Amino acid sequence: MKHGDMVWKIPDTSGILTSPVGFFKDNQLYIIIAARKGLVQCFNVSDQVPKRVWRFQMPHEVFGSPVITTDTTPPLMFLGSKYGNLIAIDAHTGKEVWQKMAGNWIDNTACIGEIDDEKVVYIGSHDYHLYAFKAENGDLLWKKALGGEVYSAPCFFHHGDKALVAAASLDNHLYIMDARNGDMVTSYFTGRPIWDKVAKGDTLWGSPVAIEAGEETALIHGSFNDVVYMLPIAKECSLRAMARSPGTLWWSLLFVLIIFGGIILPVIINLPLKHNRF
């Protein structure tokens, strides 16, 4: 390790691999790694030769990485798949504990927070929603519609005594929500991307991270507009531009329809009649 020599390698024919995650059990180190094709494997890497402990086949392709909490009984690993399946797996045995649908494509890594001494799993979906599930049994606590496909891994953090969760979506906004109930706190427009189209599954790097420092808490986020932001939560130049709710969009659409149907459309219909009088 001091010289960077290779200790071991594991042949794998499952294609592209995601980032591994590790945990300890009985003073033994285990790592879990997922392949793009959906094969999840757990290895005991405490000895010179790694030993595979279990394997699990996800129902679809996966783009995010596994995440683990050891504060539940049993310890649980969470992973989302291409068509919206979020699955909780017993990290010791590789057996499925629960499975929930999160609307549509999941191409990010879940994050785990704690609300009222209970572990909560947060995950974003390409159905425009951010979801919060109870880690123990998968019960849906809340889901919040954002302005675009949620491509980033969510970020759970505290600002003062308040638990918050942040996520970025393809409407080029960074959103902050109350982690307890999903209420919108604020959002920030990060600018238009420097290219025309963002491909699904190619956006794993664009996730916010938090620096917790009491009232000095800030988010760091690398945006598709070629800028890295460091945004304080509650100071000048902070995340204070309030997000528009989905209801605002429908009211705007209704207003446009009224204007079109009540003013523009009658004018268009009457134009030929006026023309025929001459």
Protein backbone atom coordinates (compact mmCIF):
# COMPACT_ATOMS: atom_id res chain seq x y z
CA MET A 1 0.00 0.00 0.00
CA LYS A 2 2.89 2.37 0.76
CA HIS A 3 4.28 1.94 -2.74
CA GLY A 4 1.03 1.67 -4.68
CA ASP A 5 1.60 -1.98 -5.49
CA MET A 6 -1.47 -3.93 -6.60
CA VAL A 7 -2.76 -6.03 -3.71
CA TRP A 8 -5.43 -7.92 -5.67
CA LYS A 9 -7.88 -7.62 -8.52
CA ILE A 10 -11.17 -9.36 -9.21
CA PRO A 11 -12.00 -10.45 -12.78
CA ASP A 12 -15.48 -9.27 -13.70
CA THR A 13 -17.32 -9.68 -17.00
CA SER A 14 -20.32 -7.52 -16.17
CA GLY A 15 -19.13 -4.39 -17.94
CA ILE A 16 -18.80 -0.90 -16.51
CA LEU A 17 -18.70 -0.78 -12.69
CA THR A 18 -20.00 1.91 -10.34
CA SER A 19 -18.20 3.22 -7.27
CA PRO A 20 -17.86 0.60 -4.49
CA VAL A 21 -19.09 1.06 -0.94
CA GLY A 22 -17.67 -0.70 2.12
CA PHE A 23 -18.74 -1.78 5.60
CA PHE A 24 -17.39 -3.79 8.54
CA LYS A 25 -18.90 -6.91 10.08
CA ASP A 26 -17.19 -8.92 12.84
CA ASN A 27 -13.92 -7.05 12.17
CA GLN A 28 -14.07 -8.10 8.52
CA LEU A 29 -14.11 -5.55 5.67
CA TYR A 30 -16.66 -6.02 2.92
CA ILE A 31 -17.20 -4.06 -0.28
CA ILE A 32 -20.28 -3.96 -2.48
CA ILE A 33 -20.05 -2.98 -6.13
CA ALA A 34 -22.66 -2.78 -8.88
CA ALA A 35 -22.20 -3.22 -12.62
CA ARG A 36 -24.02 -1.22 -15.29
CA LYS A 37 -25.82 -4.40 -16.33
CA GLY A 38 -27.37 -4.63 -12.87
CA LEU A 39 -25.24 -7.31 -11.20
CA VAL A 40 -24.51 -6.38 -7.56
CA GLN A 41 -21.77 -8.30 -5.72
CA CYS A 42 -20.43 -8.29 -2.17
CA PHE A 43 -16.84 -9.36 -1.42
CA ASN A 44 -14.97 -10.01 1.81
CA VAL A 45 -11.66 -8.22 1.18
CA SER A 46 -10.04 -8.72 4.57
CA ASP A 47 -7.72 -11.46 3.36
CA GLN A 48 -5.15 -11.45 0.57
CA VAL A 49 -7.63 -13.19 -1.73
CA PRO A 50 -11.11 -11.56 -1.88
CA LYS A 51 -14.06 -13.90 -1.42
CA ARG A 52 -17.47 -13.27 -2.93
CA VAL A 53 -20.15 -13.45 -0.25
CA TRP A 54 -23.29 -12.85 -2.29
CA ARG A 55 -24.61 -11.55 -5.59
CA PHE A 56 -27.91 -9.91 -6.54
CA GLN A 57 -29.32 -9.15 -9.99
CA MET A 58 -31.14 -5.84 -10.30
CA PRO A 59 -34.22 -5.85 -12.60
CA HIS A 60 -32.71 -3.23 -14.95
CA GLU A 61 -29.48 -1.36 -15.65
CA VAL A 62 -28.01 0.78 -12.87
CA PHE A 63 -26.12 4.06 -13.20
CA GLY A 64 -25.74 5.13 -9.56
CA SER A 65 -23.69 3.55 -6.81
CA PRO A 66 -24.86 1.55 -3.79
CA VAL A 67 -25.24 3.33 -0.46
CA ILE A 68 -25.31 1.61 2.96
CA THR A 69 -26.61 2.34 6.43
CA THR A 70 -25.36 0.17 9.28
CA ASP A 71 -27.71 1.81 11.79
CA THR A 72 -30.60 -0.47 10.87
CA THR A 73 -31.19 -4.12 11.69
CA PRO A 74 -30.13 -5.65 9.40
CA PRO A 75 -27.70 -3.20 7.74
CA LEU A 76 -29.27 -2.12 4.45
CA MET A 77 -27.90 -1.28 1.03
CA PHE A 78 -29.96 0.87 -1.36
CA LEU A 79 -29.71 1.05 -5.14
CA GLY A 80 -31.94 2.45 -7.89
CA SER A 81 -32.29 1.14 -11.44
CA LYS A 82 -33.03 2.43 -14.92
CA TYR A 83 -36.83 2.19 -14.83
CA GLY A 84 -37.43 3.52 -11.33
CA ASN A 85 -36.97 0.55 -9.00
CA LEU A 86 -35.44 1.48 -5.65
CA ILE A 87 -34.40 -1.71 -3.86
CA ALA A 88 -33.26 -2.25 -0.26
CA ILE A 89 -30.96 -5.25 0.18
CA ASP A 90 -29.70 -6.91 3.37
CA ALA A 91 -25.99 -6.02 3.25
CA HIS A 92 -25.08 -9.20 5.15
CA THR A 93 -27.00 -11.74 3.09
CA GLY A 94 -27.80 -10.08 -0.25
CA LYS A 95 -31.54 -10.77 0.17
CA GLU A 96 -34.11 -8.20 -0.96
CA VAL A 97 -35.85 -6.49 1.98
CA TRP A 98 -38.19 -4.18 0.07
CA GLN A 99 -38.68 -2.64 -3.37
CA LYS A 100 -40.46 0.57 -4.37
CA MET A 101 -41.10 2.37 -7.64
CA ALA A 102 -39.82 5.95 -7.91
CA GLY A 103 -41.75 6.95 -11.01
CA ASN A 104 -39.15 6.71 -13.76
CA TRP A 105 -35.46 6.47 -14.59
CA ILE A 106 -33.05 6.67 -11.61
CA ASP A 107 -29.50 7.51 -12.67
CA ASN A 108 -28.18 8.83 -9.38
CA THR A 109 -27.07 7.55 -6.01
CA ALA A 110 -29.44 7.70 -3.04
CA CYS A 111 -28.50 9.45 0.18
CA ILE A 112 -29.47 8.60 3.75
CA GLY A 113 -30.50 11.07 6.43
CA GLU A 114 -32.00 10.84 9.89
CA ILE A 115 -35.32 12.35 10.96
CA ASP A 116 -36.57 11.82 14.53
CA ASP A 117 -34.03 9.03 15.10
CA GLU A 118 -35.26 7.20 12.01
CA LYS A 119 -33.23 6.61 8.86
CA VAL A 120 -34.69 8.07 5.66
CA VAL A 121 -33.62 7.33 2.06
CA TYR A 122 -33.76 10.18 -0.46
CA ILE A 123 -33.67 9.51 -4.20
CA GLY A 124 -34.32 11.58 -7.33
CA SER A 125 -36.11 10.35 -10.46
CA HIS A 126 -36.53 11.44 -14.06
CA ASP A 127 -40.27 11.77 -13.38
CA TYR A 128 -39.35 15.24 -11.96
CA HIS A 129 -39.78 14.10 -8.33
CA LEU A 130 -37.56 13.78 -5.28
CA TYR A 131 -38.66 10.93 -3.01
CA ALA A 132 -38.21 10.22 0.71
CA PHE A 133 -38.71 6.63 1.94
CA LYS A 134 -38.41 5.09 5.38
CA ALA A 135 -35.21 3.06 5.26
CA GLU A 136 -36.57 0.24 7.41
CA ASN A 137 -39.69 -0.68 5.41
CA GLY A 138 -39.83 1.53 2.30
CA ASP A 139 -42.90 3.52 3.33
CA LEU A 140 -43.20 6.72 1.27
CA LEU A 141 -42.86 9.76 3.52
CA TRP A 142 -43.21 12.38 0.77
CA LYS A 143 -42.41 13.19 -2.83
CA LYS A 144 -41.81 16.65 -4.26
CA ALA A 145 -42.18 17.72 -7.90
CA LEU A 146 -39.29 19.85 -9.14
CA GLY A 147 -38.90 21.70 -12.43
CA GLY A 148 -37.14 18.97 -14.40
CA GLU A 149 -35.68 15.47 -14.32
CA VAL A 150 -33.76 15.00 -11.06
CA TYR A 151 -30.35 13.86 -12.27
CA SER A 152 -28.18 14.52 -9.22
CA ALA A 153 -27.62 12.49 -6.10
CA PRO A 154 -29.54 14.20 -3.26
CA CYS A 155 -27.55 15.79 -0.45
CA PHE A 156 -28.79 15.63 3.17
CA PHE A 157 -27.45 18.25 5.57
CA HIS A 158 -28.30 20.52 8.52
CA HIS A 159 -28.55 24.28 8.63
CA GLY A 160 -28.73 25.24 12.28
CA ASP A 161 -31.27 22.88 13.81
CA LYS A 162 -33.13 22.24 10.55
CA ALA A 163 -32.65 19.15 8.37
CA LEU A 164 -32.55 19.93 4.64
CA VAL A 165 -32.04 18.03 1.40
CA ALA A 166 -30.69 19.45 -1.88
CA ALA A 167 -30.91 18.13 -5.45
CA ALA A 168 -30.30 19.44 -8.97
CA SER A 169 -32.63 18.93 -11.93
CA LEU A 170 -32.49 19.38 -15.68
CA ASP A 171 -34.34 22.72 -15.56
CA ASN A 172 -30.92 24.07 -14.52
CA HIS A 173 -31.93 24.72 -10.91
CA LEU A 174 -30.50 23.61 -7.59
CA TYR A 175 -33.32 23.02 -5.10
CA ILE A 176 -33.37 22.91 -1.31
CA MET A 177 -36.26 21.24 0.53
CA ASP A 178 -37.23 20.56 4.10
CA ALA A 179 -36.00 17.00 4.65
CA ARG A 180 -38.87 16.26 7.03
CA ASN A 181 -41.83 17.02 4.76
CA GLY A 182 -40.49 18.05 1.34
CA ASP A 183 -41.60 21.69 1.58
CA MET A 184 -39.67 23.91 -0.80
CA VAL A 185 -37.19 26.19 0.96
CA THR A 186 -35.43 27.84 -1.95
CA SER A 187 -33.82 27.30 -5.36
CA TYR A 188 -31.00 28.75 -7.41
CA PHE A 189 -30.73 29.07 -11.20
CA THR A 190 -27.32 27.74 -12.19
CA GLY A 191 -27.34 28.89 -15.82
CA ARG A 192 -27.90 27.19 -19.14
CA PRO A 193 -25.65 24.24 -20.09
CA ILE A 194 -22.73 24.81 -22.42
CA TRP A 195 -24.05 22.06 -24.72
CA ASP A 196 -27.47 21.48 -26.24
CA LYS A 197 -28.45 18.15 -24.74
CA VAL A 198 -27.69 16.25 -21.56
CA ALA A 199 -27.86 12.48 -22.01
CA LYS A 200 -29.47 10.33 -19.34
CA GLY A 201 -26.96 8.29 -17.39
CA ASP A 202 -24.08 10.64 -18.15
CA THR A 203 -24.66 13.11 -15.34
CA LEU A 204 -23.35 11.42 -12.21
CA TRP A 205 -20.78 14.13 -11.52
CA GLY A 206 -23.30 16.97 -11.21
CA SER A 207 -24.36 16.52 -7.59
CA PRO A 208 -24.26 19.07 -4.74
CA VAL A 209 -22.30 18.57 -1.53
CA ALA A 210 -22.76 20.44 1.74
CA ILE A 211 -20.31 22.01 4.15
CA GLU A 212 -22.04 22.09 7.55
CA ALA A 213 -20.89 24.94 9.75
CA GLY A 214 -23.91 26.09 11.77
CA GLU A 215 -25.14 29.37 10.31
CA GLU A 216 -22.25 29.28 7.81
CA THR A 217 -23.52 26.15 6.02
CA ALA A 218 -22.97 26.25 2.25
CA LEU A 219 -23.50 24.08 -0.82
CA ILE A 220 -20.89 23.35 -3.49
CA HIS A 221 -22.27 22.42 -6.88
CA GLY A 222 -20.68 21.89 -10.29
CA SER A 223 -23.16 23.01 -12.95
CA PHE A 224 -23.53 22.13 -16.63
CA ASN A 225 -22.80 25.79 -17.48
CA ASP A 226 -19.07 25.27 -16.78
CA VAL A 227 -19.21 26.94 -13.34
CA VAL A 228 -18.63 25.57 -9.84
CA TYR A 229 -20.76 27.39 -7.25
CA MET A 230 -20.22 27.76 -3.52
CA LEU A 231 -23.53 29.03 -2.20
CA PRO A 232 -24.13 30.01 1.44
CA ILE A 233 -27.59 29.04 2.65
CA ALA A 234 -28.57 32.24 4.46
CA LYS A 235 -26.34 35.22 3.64
CA GLU A 236 -25.84 37.78 0.90
CA CYS A 237 -25.63 36.12 -2.53
CA SER A 238 -27.26 33.11 -0.94
CA LEU A 239 -29.88 30.61 -2.08
CA ARG A 240 -32.79 33.00 -1.63
CA ALA A 241 -34.59 32.92 -5.01
CA MET A 242 -37.77 31.04 -4.18
CA ALA A 243 -38.68 28.18 -6.46
CA ARG A 244 -41.89 28.21 -8.45
CA SER A 245 -44.34 25.52 -7.44
CA PRO A 246 -45.80 23.18 -10.09
CA GLY A 247 -49.17 24.87 -9.49
CA THR A 248 -47.76 28.15 -10.76
CA LEU A 249 -47.09 26.52 -14.11
CA TRP A 250 -50.71 25.38 -14.45
CA TRP A 251 -52.07 28.84 -13.52
CA SER A 252 -49.79 30.38 -16.16
CA LEU A 253 -51.03 27.90 -18.73
CA LEU A 254 -54.66 28.65 -17.83
CA PHE A 255 -54.03 32.38 -18.20
CA VAL A 256 -52.55 31.83 -21.67
CA LEU A 257 -55.54 29.70 -22.72
CA ILE A 258 -58.00 32.38 -21.53
CA ILE A 259 -56.19 35.10 -23.46
CA PHE A 260 -55.99 32.94 -26.57
CA GLY A 261 -59.60 31.72 -26.41
CA GLY A 262 -61.19 34.99 -25.36
CA ILE A 263 -59.26 37.53 -27.43
CA ILE A 264 -56.88 36.12 -30.05
CA LEU A 265 -59.06 33.27 -31.39
CA PRO A 266 -62.20 35.43 -32.01
CA VAL A 267 -60.08 37.99 -33.84
CA ILE A 268 -58.61 35.28 -36.06
CA ILE A 269 -62.07 33.81 -36.78
CA ASN A 270 -63.54 37.19 -37.70
CA LEU A 271 -60.71 38.22 -40.01
CA PRO A 272 -62.00 36.27 -43.06
CA LEU A 273 -65.56 37.58 -42.49
CA LYS A 274 -64.42 41.16 -42.55
CA HIS A 275 -62.38 40.43 -45.66
CA ASN A 276 -65.41 38.99 -47.52
CA ARG A 277 -67.47 42.16 -47.05
CA PHE A 278 -65.31 44.04 -49.55
